Amino acid sequence: MDGFLNLDKPSQWTSHDCVARVRRLLRQKRVGHAGTLDPAATGVLPIALGKATRLLQYLPSDKAYRATIRFGVTTTTDDLDGEVLTSHAPNLSLTDVQAHLPMFIGRIQQIPPQYSAIQVQGQRLYDLARRGEVVDVPSRTVDVYSISVVDWRSLDYPELVVDIECGAGTYIRSIARDLGDVLGVGATLAALQRTVSSGFRLVESLTVEELDQQIEGDRLTLISPVQTLQHLSAMTLAPESARRWTLGQRLAPCDYPIQSPGTYRIHSLDGQ
């Protein structure tokens, strides 16, 4: 069984929980995922099965999220799963917030949360944080393509709902934290849903319950690797060259019609 699943990860499940569930339901040993989601987050989690696990590194890296940011609250984890550090109802308007959103769009420097899987000195930050060890986390360059306001909730602790399109490695928790900092009121991430990941879209995803039902009814259809790699240029090989390629043998330059350097998806004449 080789191919991909587009799973809608439930809240409070880890990405590994989802992989374990798929592995058990399908009795499949080789199962992996693209783009880890925090336990509290929901949304698109691409799952690869069988030989498709080799292709995870070639999936497109861009992602999109719907995030809810709560102002006036800061936490140890930069989301509501952490311990509250400060809490003060702010006097804040949507106009105030919108004036500062452009500074988070483009190629920006970002410091990951203290509770994250980033490694510093060979150890993951969340392991250090759980032991009470505070370390300097180096900033990273990330790409944020757009931030669009979806809703503004005028509560005692106002909430902003935004759609964010970004590149790999972007922490939405850091955007929430830093937006609160520049406004001088503090903020934390209240909810997060990934709507796009590696070319997979939320509107086409399966919930865990739907996955269970399709497997029980023998109706599950995997997404083909070819469909997930449409962003790569295609190259077609003659039968003998295709045979040698699958055996890991080197090909002469005359065996393949490369026009420019890059990563290609290779097809044989029969479409495989």
Protein backbone atom coordinates (compact mmCIF):
# COMPACT_ATOMS: atom_id res chain seq x y z
CA MET A 1 0.00 0.00 0.00
CA ASP A 2 1.76 3.12 -1.28
CA GLY A 3 0.37 6.66 -1.33
CA PHE A 4 -0.80 9.56 0.79
CA LEU A 5 -3.65 10.40 3.16
CA ASN A 6 -4.87 13.92 3.85
CA LEU A 7 -5.80 13.72 7.54
CA ASP A 8 -7.55 16.39 9.62
CA LYS A 9 -5.65 16.10 12.91
CA PRO A 10 -7.87 16.32 16.01
CA SER A 11 -7.04 18.65 18.88
CA GLN A 12 -4.86 17.17 21.63
CA TRP A 13 -3.53 14.44 19.34
CA THR A 14 0.16 14.55 18.55
CA SER A 15 1.28 14.05 14.97
CA HIS A 16 2.80 10.76 16.13
CA ASP A 17 -0.59 9.70 17.54
CA CYS A 18 -2.04 10.11 14.05
CA VAL A 19 0.74 8.08 12.45
CA ALA A 20 0.28 5.32 15.05
CA ARG A 21 -3.48 5.25 14.40
CA VAL A 22 -3.00 4.91 10.64
CA ARG A 23 -0.31 2.27 11.11
CA ARG A 24 -2.63 0.21 13.32
CA LEU A 25 -5.76 0.60 11.20
CA LEU A 26 -4.04 -0.26 7.93
CA ARG A 27 -1.54 -2.71 9.42
CA GLN A 28 1.18 -0.82 7.64
CA LYS A 29 4.72 -0.60 8.99
CA ARG A 30 6.04 2.23 6.86
CA VAL A 31 4.03 5.32 7.77
CA GLY A 32 5.28 8.90 8.11
CA HIS A 33 3.99 12.45 8.10
CA ALA A 34 4.94 15.87 6.76
CA GLY A 35 4.94 19.01 8.90
CA THR A 36 4.49 18.41 12.63
CA LEU A 37 1.50 20.09 14.28
CA ASP A 38 1.39 21.06 17.96
CA PRO A 39 -1.02 18.87 19.97
CA ALA A 40 -3.50 21.73 20.49
CA ALA A 41 -3.62 22.53 16.77
CA THR A 42 -5.98 20.93 14.27
CA GLY A 43 -6.02 20.62 10.53
CA VAL A 44 -4.09 19.20 7.62
CA LEU A 45 -1.52 16.51 8.40
CA PRO A 46 -0.21 14.75 5.27
CA ILE A 47 0.39 11.04 5.94
CA ALA A 48 2.62 8.91 3.69
CA LEU A 49 2.39 5.12 3.44
CA GLY A 50 4.79 2.57 2.05
CA LYS A 51 7.15 3.76 -0.66
CA ALA A 52 5.52 7.20 -0.56
CA THR A 53 7.42 7.89 2.70
CA ARG A 54 10.51 8.39 0.52
CA LEU A 55 8.79 11.32 -1.16
CA LEU A 56 8.00 13.38 1.94
CA GLN A 57 11.13 15.49 1.45
CA TYR A 58 9.99 16.47 -2.05
CA LEU A 59 6.53 17.77 -1.13
CA PRO A 60 5.99 21.54 -1.45
CA SER A 61 6.81 23.31 1.81
CA ASP A 62 4.32 26.21 1.85
CA LYS A 63 1.56 26.19 4.45
CA ALA A 64 -1.54 28.15 5.44
CA TYR A 65 -3.22 28.56 8.83
CA ARG A 66 -6.25 30.10 10.47
CA ALA A 67 -5.07 31.46 13.80
CA THR A 68 -6.87 33.05 16.75
CA ILE A 69 -4.69 35.45 18.75
CA ARG A 70 -5.77 36.53 22.24
CA PHE A 71 -4.43 39.85 23.52
CA GLY A 72 -3.64 40.72 27.13
CA VAL A 73 -2.40 37.23 28.05
CA THR A 74 1.09 35.74 27.91
CA THR A 75 2.02 32.13 28.65
CA THR A 76 5.09 29.94 28.97
CA THR A 77 4.33 28.15 25.69
CA ASP A 78 2.93 31.11 23.71
CA ASP A 79 -0.41 29.29 23.50
CA LEU A 80 -3.20 28.38 25.92
CA ASP A 81 -1.60 25.04 26.82
CA GLY A 82 1.05 26.83 28.89
CA GLU A 83 1.13 28.43 32.31
CA VAL A 84 -0.21 32.00 32.35
CA LEU A 85 2.57 34.50 32.99
CA THR A 86 0.64 37.78 32.73
CA SER A 87 -3.01 38.66 32.33
CA HIS A 88 -4.39 42.17 31.95
CA ALA A 89 -7.44 43.22 29.92
CA PRO A 90 -6.09 45.70 27.33
CA ASN A 91 -7.66 48.74 25.73
CA LEU A 92 -7.13 47.72 22.12
CA SER A 93 -8.86 48.23 18.79
CA LEU A 94 -8.67 46.45 15.45
CA THR A 95 -7.17 49.60 13.95
CA ASP A 96 -4.32 49.41 16.45
CA VAL A 97 -3.61 45.82 15.49
CA GLN A 98 -3.89 46.29 11.73
CA ALA A 99 -1.32 49.07 11.82
CA HIS A 100 1.31 46.58 13.03
CA LEU A 101 0.50 43.54 10.89
CA PRO A 102 2.68 44.57 7.89
CA MET A 103 5.85 44.19 9.96
CA PHE A 104 5.16 40.44 10.16
CA ILE A 105 4.83 39.97 6.40
CA GLY A 106 7.77 39.16 4.15
CA ARG A 107 11.11 37.59 5.00
CA ILE A 108 11.34 38.19 8.74
CA GLN A 109 13.45 37.18 11.72
CA GLN A 110 11.62 35.06 14.26
CA ILE A 111 12.57 33.50 17.60
CA PRO A 112 10.90 30.09 18.08
CA PRO A 113 8.94 29.47 21.30
CA GLN A 114 10.80 28.09 24.31
CA TYR A 115 8.50 25.07 24.07
CA SER A 116 9.28 23.79 20.57
CA ALA A 117 11.08 20.96 18.81
CA ILE A 118 13.98 23.20 17.73
CA GLN A 119 17.34 21.85 18.88
CA VAL A 120 19.82 24.03 20.76
CA GLN A 121 23.14 22.52 21.81
CA GLY A 122 21.88 19.12 20.69
CA GLN A 123 18.74 19.18 22.85
CA ARG A 124 15.15 20.00 21.99
CA LEU A 125 13.87 23.23 23.49
CA TYR A 126 10.80 21.63 25.05
CA ASP A 127 13.03 19.17 26.94
CA LEU A 128 15.14 22.04 28.29
CA ALA A 129 12.04 24.06 29.19
CA ARG A 130 10.48 21.15 31.09
CA ARG A 131 13.64 20.91 33.18
CA GLY A 132 13.42 24.62 33.93
CA GLU A 133 16.50 25.46 31.88
CA VAL A 134 16.26 28.79 30.07
CA VAL A 135 18.51 29.16 27.02
CA ASP A 136 19.00 31.85 24.42
CA VAL A 137 17.08 30.77 21.34
CA PRO A 138 18.66 32.04 18.12
CA SER A 139 16.40 33.83 15.66
CA ARG A 140 15.61 32.24 12.31
CA THR A 141 14.68 33.64 8.93
CA VAL A 142 11.17 32.65 7.84
CA ASP A 143 8.84 33.69 5.02
CA VAL A 144 5.35 35.00 5.68
CA TYR A 145 3.52 35.65 2.43
CA SER A 146 0.28 37.16 3.71
CA ILE A 147 -1.79 37.86 6.82
CA SER A 148 -5.51 38.51 6.25
CA VAL A 149 -7.93 39.58 8.96
CA VAL A 150 -10.95 37.27 9.22
CA ASP A 151 -12.60 38.46 12.43
CA TRP A 152 -12.14 40.80 15.40
CA ARG A 153 -13.78 39.95 18.73
CA SER A 154 -14.16 42.90 21.09
CA LEU A 155 -13.98 41.00 24.36
CA ASP A 156 -12.35 41.83 27.70
CA TYR A 157 -9.38 40.02 26.20
CA PRO A 158 -9.79 40.86 22.50
CA GLU A 159 -9.20 38.17 19.89
CA LEU A 160 -8.01 38.50 16.31
CA VAL A 161 -8.69 35.76 13.77
CA VAL A 162 -6.34 35.77 10.79
CA ASP A 163 -5.44 33.63 7.80
CA ILE A 164 -1.67 33.29 7.41
CA GLU A 165 0.19 31.95 4.38
CA CYS A 166 3.83 31.13 5.09
CA GLY A 167 6.86 29.02 4.32
CA ALA A 168 8.24 26.05 6.21
CA GLY A 169 9.55 26.59 9.73
CA THR A 170 7.27 29.52 10.59
CA TYR A 171 5.90 29.46 14.14
CA ILE A 172 2.45 31.03 14.36
CA ARG A 173 2.84 31.08 18.16
CA SER A 174 5.83 33.38 17.70
CA ILE A 175 3.82 35.73 15.48
CA ALA A 176 1.11 35.92 18.16
CA ARG A 177 3.66 36.55 20.93
CA ASP A 178 5.59 39.16 18.97
CA LEU A 179 2.45 40.99 17.84
CA GLY A 180 1.41 41.32 21.47
CA ASP A 181 4.88 42.59 22.34
CA VAL A 182 4.94 45.37 19.73
CA LEU A 183 1.47 46.46 20.84
CA GLY A 184 2.67 46.53 24.45
CA VAL A 185 -0.19 44.35 25.73
CA GLY A 186 1.10 40.80 25.35
CA ALA A 187 -0.63 38.05 23.39
CA THR A 188 -0.82 34.30 23.02
CA LEU A 189 -2.17 31.88 20.44
CA ALA A 190 -5.69 30.81 21.40
CA ALA A 191 -6.42 28.43 18.51
CA LEU A 192 -4.71 27.17 15.37
CA GLN A 193 -5.99 25.26 12.36
CA ARG A 194 -3.77 24.36 9.41
CA THR A 195 -5.74 24.78 6.21
CA VAL A 196 -3.02 23.93 3.67
CA SER A 197 0.15 21.85 3.98
CA SER A 198 2.42 20.47 1.26
CA GLY A 199 -0.30 20.91 -1.36
CA PHE A 200 -2.99 19.18 0.74
CA ARG A 201 -6.08 21.25 1.59
CA LEU A 202 -8.37 21.09 4.62
CA VAL A 203 -11.54 21.01 2.50
CA GLU A 204 -10.36 17.70 1.02
CA SER A 205 -9.14 16.13 4.28
CA LEU A 206 -10.50 13.16 6.22
CA THR A 207 -11.33 13.25 9.90
CA VAL A 208 -10.18 10.30 11.99
CA GLU A 209 -13.81 9.12 12.16
CA GLU A 210 -14.18 9.32 8.37
CA LEU A 211 -10.91 7.42 7.96
CA ASP A 212 -12.20 4.67 10.27
CA GLN A 213 -15.46 4.43 8.31
CA GLN A 214 -13.76 4.25 4.92
CA ILE A 215 -11.41 1.51 6.10
CA GLU A 216 -14.26 -0.50 7.65
CA GLY A 217 -16.28 -0.15 4.45
CA ASP A 218 -13.28 -1.00 2.26
CA ARG A 219 -13.71 2.37 0.53
CA LEU A 220 -10.36 3.99 1.30
CA THR A 221 -8.51 5.38 -1.71
CA LEU A 222 -4.99 6.71 -1.27
CA ILE A 223 -3.75 9.83 -3.01
CA SER A 224 -1.21 8.85 -5.65
CA PRO A 225 2.38 10.09 -5.39
CA VAL A 226 2.10 11.52 -8.92
CA GLN A 227 -0.75 13.77 -7.79
CA THR A 228 1.26 15.14 -4.87
CA LEU A 229 4.33 15.93 -6.98
CA GLN A 230 2.67 17.98 -9.71
CA HIS A 231 4.80 20.99 -8.72
CA LEU A 232 7.88 19.16 -10.03
CA SER A 233 8.79 19.05 -13.72
CA ALA A 234 8.26 15.66 -15.34
CA MET A 235 10.78 13.58 -17.28
CA THR A 236 9.93 10.46 -19.30
CA LEU A 237 12.50 7.70 -19.78
CA ALA A 238 12.67 5.00 -22.42
CA PRO A 239 11.91 1.46 -21.13
CA GLU A 240 15.52 0.34 -20.76
CA SER A 241 16.57 3.61 -19.10
CA ALA A 242 13.58 3.38 -16.76
CA ARG A 243 14.55 -0.18 -15.82
CA ARG A 244 18.11 0.83 -15.05
CA TRP A 245 16.91 3.87 -13.10
CA THR A 246 14.72 1.76 -10.80
CA LEU A 247 17.72 -0.50 -10.13
CA GLY A 248 19.78 2.48 -9.03
CA GLN A 249 22.14 2.31 -12.01
CA ARG A 250 23.71 5.44 -13.45
CA LEU A 251 22.40 6.79 -16.73
CA ALA A 252 24.38 8.48 -19.44
CA PRO A 253 23.44 12.12 -20.23
CA CYS A 254 21.98 10.99 -23.53
CA ASP A 255 19.49 8.77 -21.67
CA TYR A 256 17.48 11.58 -20.13
CA PRO A 257 16.20 14.85 -21.64
CA ILE A 258 17.17 17.28 -18.87
CA GLN A 259 16.89 20.89 -19.96
CA SER A 260 18.00 22.52 -16.71
CA PRO A 261 19.25 21.41 -13.27
CA GLY A 262 16.61 20.68 -10.66
CA THR A 263 14.44 18.00 -9.07
CA TYR A 264 12.25 16.00 -11.43
CA ARG A 265 9.59 13.33 -11.19
CA ILE A 266 10.57 10.42 -13.41
CA HIS A 267 8.05 8.51 -15.55
CA SER A 268 8.36 5.53 -17.84
CA LEU A 269 6.60 5.45 -21.20
CA ASP A 270 3.77 3.37 -19.71
CA GLY A 271 3.00 6.16 -17.23
CA GLN A 272 4.54 4.57 -14.15
